[in-house]
Amino acid sequence: MPRVAVIVVAAGKGERFGGNEKKVFARVEGRPIFLRSVELFIHRPDVSQTILVIAPEDEEHVKEKFGANLGLLGVQRVTGGARRVDSVAAGLAAVRDEAELVAVHDAARPCVSDAMIDAVFAEAARTGAAILAAPLRGTIKRVSGAGIIDRTVDRQGLWEAQTPQVFRRDLLMQAFDRRGELEEEDVTDDARLVEGLGHPVAVVESDPTNLKITTRADVPLAAAIIRSRPKPLPKGPMNPFEEAQW
């Protein structure tokens, strides 16, 4: 069983979410979004390290409200940067040498299932690089800035990339070392950096239930998905957040 270090990225601004509260601290079924994502990994036997990357301006808040319990769960906090790629790089710098694979997961995806994680971990162990993704199913339109359809796009072979995205540790480190060779707008996810090395990235089919919370309208959808799944962790002292009231 390969040892996996998981980087949960919670350093984004979440500007499309709206309101006064940051997206990662908003509650889904009574619990902060970022915490639900962290809890997906902390008790997996193949996960040897869990790293939470937060924005610099959130450091004091996270330390005061969540720091003690995150420490009990063995979650390491790291401060991110201005861009997502900088935040992932900060998390990657904290990965211990024992890790064979590194998984990068967006904190705003609290609905990924155990089966999805199992599948993408296994594929990354086999190939060195794998991501979750879902095939596009609807009719896709390219729309101009004026709100007019330019053309209908053939959806054949088009997939929406999701997370976790999982890579051999040495491969991901090499990709991040060379990230300056790509234009900033081209680096939309971690797989793009690995693609830049010429290494093939396998796709593990997921589905739309691995929802990324972007706006407040996504919160009730995420809650419905979470309610439909078994609780990932039992209640008890192993998870000090379980009984906490937020």
Protein backbone atom coordinates (compact mmCIF):
# COMPACT_ATOMS: atom_id res chain seq x y z
CA MET A 1 0.00 0.00 0.00
CA PRO A 2 1.71 3.24 -1.12
CA ARG A 3 1.96 5.96 1.51
CA VAL A 4 0.01 9.04 0.46
CA ALA A 5 0.43 12.64 1.61
CA VAL A 6 -2.75 14.65 1.10
CA ILE A 7 -2.71 18.41 0.52
CA VAL A 8 -6.12 19.99 1.14
CA VAL A 9 -6.13 23.44 -0.45
CA ALA A 10 -8.29 25.95 1.44
CA ALA A 11 -6.44 29.18 0.64
CA GLY A 12 -8.65 30.57 -2.13
CA LYS A 13 -10.63 33.76 -1.85
CA GLY A 14 -13.92 32.20 -2.99
CA GLU A 15 -15.10 35.52 -4.43
CA ARG A 16 -18.02 33.99 -6.35
CA PHE A 17 -19.44 32.56 -3.13
CA GLY A 18 -20.55 35.97 -1.87
CA GLY A 19 -21.45 37.12 1.63
CA ASN A 20 -19.21 38.06 4.53
CA GLU A 21 -18.07 34.55 5.37
CA LYS A 22 -15.33 32.81 3.41
CA LYS A 23 -16.49 29.81 1.43
CA VAL A 24 -14.26 27.28 3.18
CA PHE A 25 -15.74 28.23 6.58
CA ALA A 26 -19.37 28.06 5.45
CA ARG A 27 -21.30 25.14 6.87
CA VAL A 28 -22.66 22.15 5.03
CA GLU A 29 -24.94 20.09 7.25
CA GLY A 30 -23.65 22.03 10.25
CA ARG A 31 -19.94 21.60 9.61
CA PRO A 32 -17.36 23.81 7.86
CA ILE A 33 -16.70 22.89 4.24
CA PHE A 34 -12.93 22.63 4.70
CA LEU A 35 -13.34 20.32 7.69
CA ARG A 36 -15.58 17.93 5.79
CA SER A 37 -12.88 17.67 3.12
CA VAL A 38 -10.10 17.08 5.66
CA GLU A 39 -12.11 14.34 7.35
CA LEU A 40 -12.30 12.37 4.11
CA PHE A 41 -8.61 11.50 4.46
CA ILE A 42 -7.40 11.61 8.06
CA HIS A 43 -8.31 8.04 9.03
CA ARG A 44 -7.40 6.28 5.79
CA PRO A 45 -4.69 3.66 6.41
CA ASP A 46 -2.90 4.67 3.19
CA VAL A 47 -2.67 8.36 4.18
CA SER A 48 0.53 9.07 6.11
CA GLN A 49 0.24 12.87 6.23
CA THR A 50 -2.56 15.42 5.87
CA ILE A 51 -1.66 19.04 5.14
CA LEU A 52 -4.20 21.88 5.24
CA VAL A 53 -3.18 24.97 3.25
CA ILE A 54 -4.89 28.15 4.42
CA ALA A 55 -4.73 31.80 3.40
CA PRO A 56 -2.39 34.02 5.44
CA GLU A 57 -5.30 36.18 6.57
CA ASP A 58 -7.11 33.12 7.96
CA GLU A 59 -4.19 31.82 10.00
CA GLU A 60 -5.22 33.36 13.32
CA HIS A 61 -8.87 32.36 12.91
CA VAL A 62 -8.02 28.75 12.09
CA LYS A 63 -5.50 28.56 14.92
CA GLU A 64 -7.93 29.90 17.53
CA LYS A 65 -11.07 28.05 16.46
CA PHE A 66 -9.76 24.80 14.98
CA GLY A 67 -6.05 24.56 15.79
CA ALA A 68 -6.16 22.32 18.86
CA ASN A 69 -8.43 19.71 17.32
CA LEU A 70 -6.61 19.77 13.99
CA GLY A 71 -3.47 19.05 15.97
CA LEU A 72 -5.11 16.09 17.71
CA LEU A 73 -6.05 14.72 14.31
CA GLY A 74 -2.48 15.10 13.09
CA VAL A 75 -3.36 17.73 10.48
CA GLN A 76 -0.48 20.05 9.63
CA ARG A 77 -1.30 23.68 8.80
CA VAL A 78 0.60 25.53 6.08
CA THR A 79 0.15 29.10 4.85
CA GLY A 80 -0.60 29.43 1.14
CA GLY A 81 0.17 32.07 -1.47
CA ALA A 82 -1.60 34.50 -3.76
CA ARG A 83 -2.35 31.87 -6.44
CA ARG A 84 -3.54 28.31 -6.14
CA VAL A 85 -0.32 27.04 -7.67
CA ASP A 86 1.65 28.88 -4.97
CA SER A 87 -0.53 27.35 -2.25
CA VAL A 88 -0.04 23.84 -3.57
CA ALA A 89 3.71 24.49 -3.79
CA ALA A 90 3.70 25.51 -0.12
CA GLY A 91 1.90 22.31 0.80
CA LEU A 92 4.26 20.24 -1.33
CA ALA A 93 7.26 21.73 0.46
CA ALA A 94 5.88 20.31 3.72
CA VAL A 95 5.42 16.75 2.41
CA ARG A 96 7.63 14.27 4.25
CA ASP A 97 10.11 12.10 2.40
CA GLU A 98 8.23 8.93 3.37
CA ALA A 99 5.34 9.78 1.02
CA GLU A 100 5.34 7.89 -2.25
CA LEU A 101 2.25 9.63 -3.66
CA VAL A 102 0.89 13.14 -3.17
CA ALA A 103 -2.83 13.84 -3.51
CA VAL A 104 -4.03 17.41 -4.00
CA HIS A 105 -7.66 18.04 -3.09
CA ASP A 106 -9.73 21.21 -3.20
CA ALA A 107 -11.31 21.97 0.18
CA ALA A 108 -14.42 23.05 -1.74
CA ARG A 109 -15.08 19.42 -2.80
CA PRO A 110 -16.45 17.88 0.43
CA CYS A 111 -18.59 15.29 -1.36
CA VAL A 112 -15.99 13.01 -2.97
CA SER A 113 -16.75 9.42 -2.00
CA ASP A 114 -14.47 6.81 -0.47
CA ALA A 115 -14.87 4.71 -3.62
CA MET A 116 -13.69 7.60 -5.80
CA ILE A 117 -10.65 8.16 -3.58
CA ASP A 118 -9.85 4.44 -3.58
CA ALA A 119 -9.99 4.34 -7.38
CA VAL A 120 -7.81 7.39 -8.06
CA PHE A 121 -5.24 6.37 -5.43
CA ALA A 122 -4.98 2.92 -6.99
CA GLU A 123 -4.61 4.30 -10.52
CA ALA A 124 -1.93 6.77 -9.44
CA ALA A 125 -0.03 3.96 -7.73
CA ARG A 126 -0.14 2.04 -11.01
CA THR A 127 0.63 4.84 -13.49
CA GLY A 128 2.30 7.59 -11.46
CA ALA A 129 -0.34 10.24 -12.24
CA ALA A 130 -4.14 10.11 -12.11
CA ILE A 131 -7.06 12.47 -11.59
CA LEU A 132 -10.77 12.17 -11.03
CA ALA A 133 -12.84 13.60 -13.88
CA ALA A 134 -16.39 13.42 -15.17
CA PRO A 135 -17.39 13.31 -18.85
CA LEU A 136 -19.42 16.29 -20.01
CA ARG A 137 -22.97 15.15 -20.68
CA GLY A 138 -24.91 18.25 -21.73
CA THR A 139 -24.82 20.28 -24.91
CA ILE A 140 -21.85 22.64 -24.73
CA LYS A 141 -22.05 26.17 -26.13
CA ARG A 142 -19.24 28.65 -26.59
CA VAL A 143 -20.69 32.05 -25.70
CA SER A 144 -19.35 35.51 -26.52
CA GLY A 145 -18.85 38.29 -24.00
CA ALA A 146 -22.11 39.78 -25.27
CA GLY A 147 -24.01 36.67 -24.19
CA ILE A 148 -24.52 35.32 -27.73
CA ILE A 149 -23.76 31.75 -28.77
CA ASP A 150 -20.66 31.63 -30.97
CA ARG A 151 -20.89 27.94 -31.69
CA THR A 152 -21.88 24.56 -30.33
CA VAL A 153 -18.87 22.56 -29.14
CA ASP A 154 -18.54 18.83 -29.78
CA ARG A 155 -18.49 17.30 -26.30
CA GLN A 156 -16.93 14.04 -27.48
CA GLY A 157 -13.81 13.46 -25.41
CA LEU A 158 -14.41 16.47 -23.13
CA TRP A 159 -14.16 15.83 -19.39
CA GLU A 160 -14.35 18.10 -16.35
CA ALA A 161 -11.26 17.70 -14.16
CA GLN A 162 -11.92 17.19 -10.46
CA THR A 163 -9.87 16.42 -7.35
CA PRO A 164 -8.18 14.55 -5.79
CA GLN A 165 -5.39 14.64 -8.33
CA VAL A 166 -2.70 12.16 -7.33
CA PHE A 167 0.92 11.88 -8.46
CA ARG A 168 4.18 10.24 -7.57
CA ARG A 169 5.90 12.60 -5.17
CA ASP A 170 9.06 12.96 -7.24
CA LEU A 171 7.05 13.58 -10.40
CA LEU A 172 4.95 16.33 -8.84
CA MET A 173 7.99 18.00 -7.32
CA GLN A 174 9.71 17.99 -10.71
CA ALA A 175 6.59 19.48 -12.32
CA PHE A 176 6.41 22.29 -9.74
CA ASP A 177 10.11 23.01 -10.10
CA ARG A 178 9.43 23.73 -13.80
CA ARG A 179 6.17 25.61 -13.38
CA GLY A 180 7.78 28.87 -14.49
CA GLU A 181 8.09 27.45 -18.01
CA LEU A 182 4.32 27.63 -18.47
CA GLU A 183 2.19 30.73 -18.85
CA GLU A 184 0.27 31.50 -15.67
CA GLU A 185 -3.12 31.23 -17.38
CA ASP A 186 -2.21 27.73 -18.61
CA VAL A 187 -1.76 26.36 -15.09
CA THR A 188 -5.39 25.63 -14.26
CA ASP A 189 -4.71 22.53 -12.17
CA ASP A 190 -1.87 20.34 -10.96
CA ALA A 191 -2.33 17.84 -13.78
CA ARG A 192 -1.47 20.61 -16.25
CA LEU A 193 1.98 20.91 -14.71
CA VAL A 194 2.57 17.18 -14.95
CA GLU A 195 1.29 17.21 -18.54
CA GLY A 196 3.97 19.82 -19.21
CA LEU A 197 6.62 17.22 -18.37
CA GLY A 198 5.24 14.97 -21.07
CA HIS A 199 4.12 12.39 -18.51
CA PRO A 200 0.72 10.80 -19.25
CA VAL A 201 -2.01 11.53 -16.71
CA ALA A 202 -4.67 8.84 -16.34
CA VAL A 203 -8.32 9.76 -15.89
CA VAL A 204 -10.49 7.90 -13.40
CA GLU A 205 -14.16 8.40 -14.20
CA SER A 206 -16.13 10.17 -11.51
CA ASP A 207 -19.53 11.82 -11.65
CA PRO A 208 -21.19 15.16 -10.84
CA THR A 209 -21.73 14.21 -7.18
CA ASN A 210 -18.07 15.15 -6.63
CA LEU A 211 -19.37 18.69 -6.58
CA LYS A 212 -17.15 21.74 -6.22
CA ILE A 213 -18.91 24.34 -4.10
CA THR A 214 -18.57 27.64 -5.94
CA THR A 215 -21.68 29.67 -5.06
CA ARG A 216 -24.12 29.57 -2.17
CA ALA A 217 -26.58 27.74 -4.40
CA ASP A 218 -24.21 24.75 -4.33
CA VAL A 219 -24.45 24.34 -0.54
CA PRO A 220 -27.88 22.63 -0.42
CA LEU A 221 -26.82 20.37 -3.29
CA ALA A 222 -23.71 19.34 -1.35
CA ALA A 223 -25.80 18.78 1.76
CA ALA A 224 -28.15 16.47 -0.14
CA ILE A 225 -25.22 14.46 -1.51
CA ILE A 226 -23.66 14.13 1.95
CA ARG A 227 -26.97 13.03 3.48
CA SER A 228 -27.25 10.32 0.84
CA ARG A 229 -23.91 8.75 1.85
CA PRO A 230 -22.84 6.84 4.97
CA LYS A 231 -21.00 8.87 7.56
CA PRO A 232 -17.26 8.54 6.77
CA LEU A 233 -16.21 8.54 10.43
CA PRO A 234 -17.78 7.09 13.57
CA LYS A 235 -18.61 9.35 16.47
CA GLY A 236 -16.12 9.19 19.27
CA PRO A 237 -12.88 10.56 20.66
CA MET A 238 -10.93 9.73 17.48
CA ASN A 239 -12.65 12.65 15.82
CA PRO A 240 -12.87 15.59 18.24
CA PHE A 241 -14.77 17.66 15.68
CA GLU A 242 -17.66 15.21 15.52
CA GLU A 243 -19.46 16.44 18.63
CA ALA A 244 -18.37 20.06 18.30
CA GLN A 245 -20.93 22.76 17.69
CA TRP A 246 -19.79 25.36 15.17
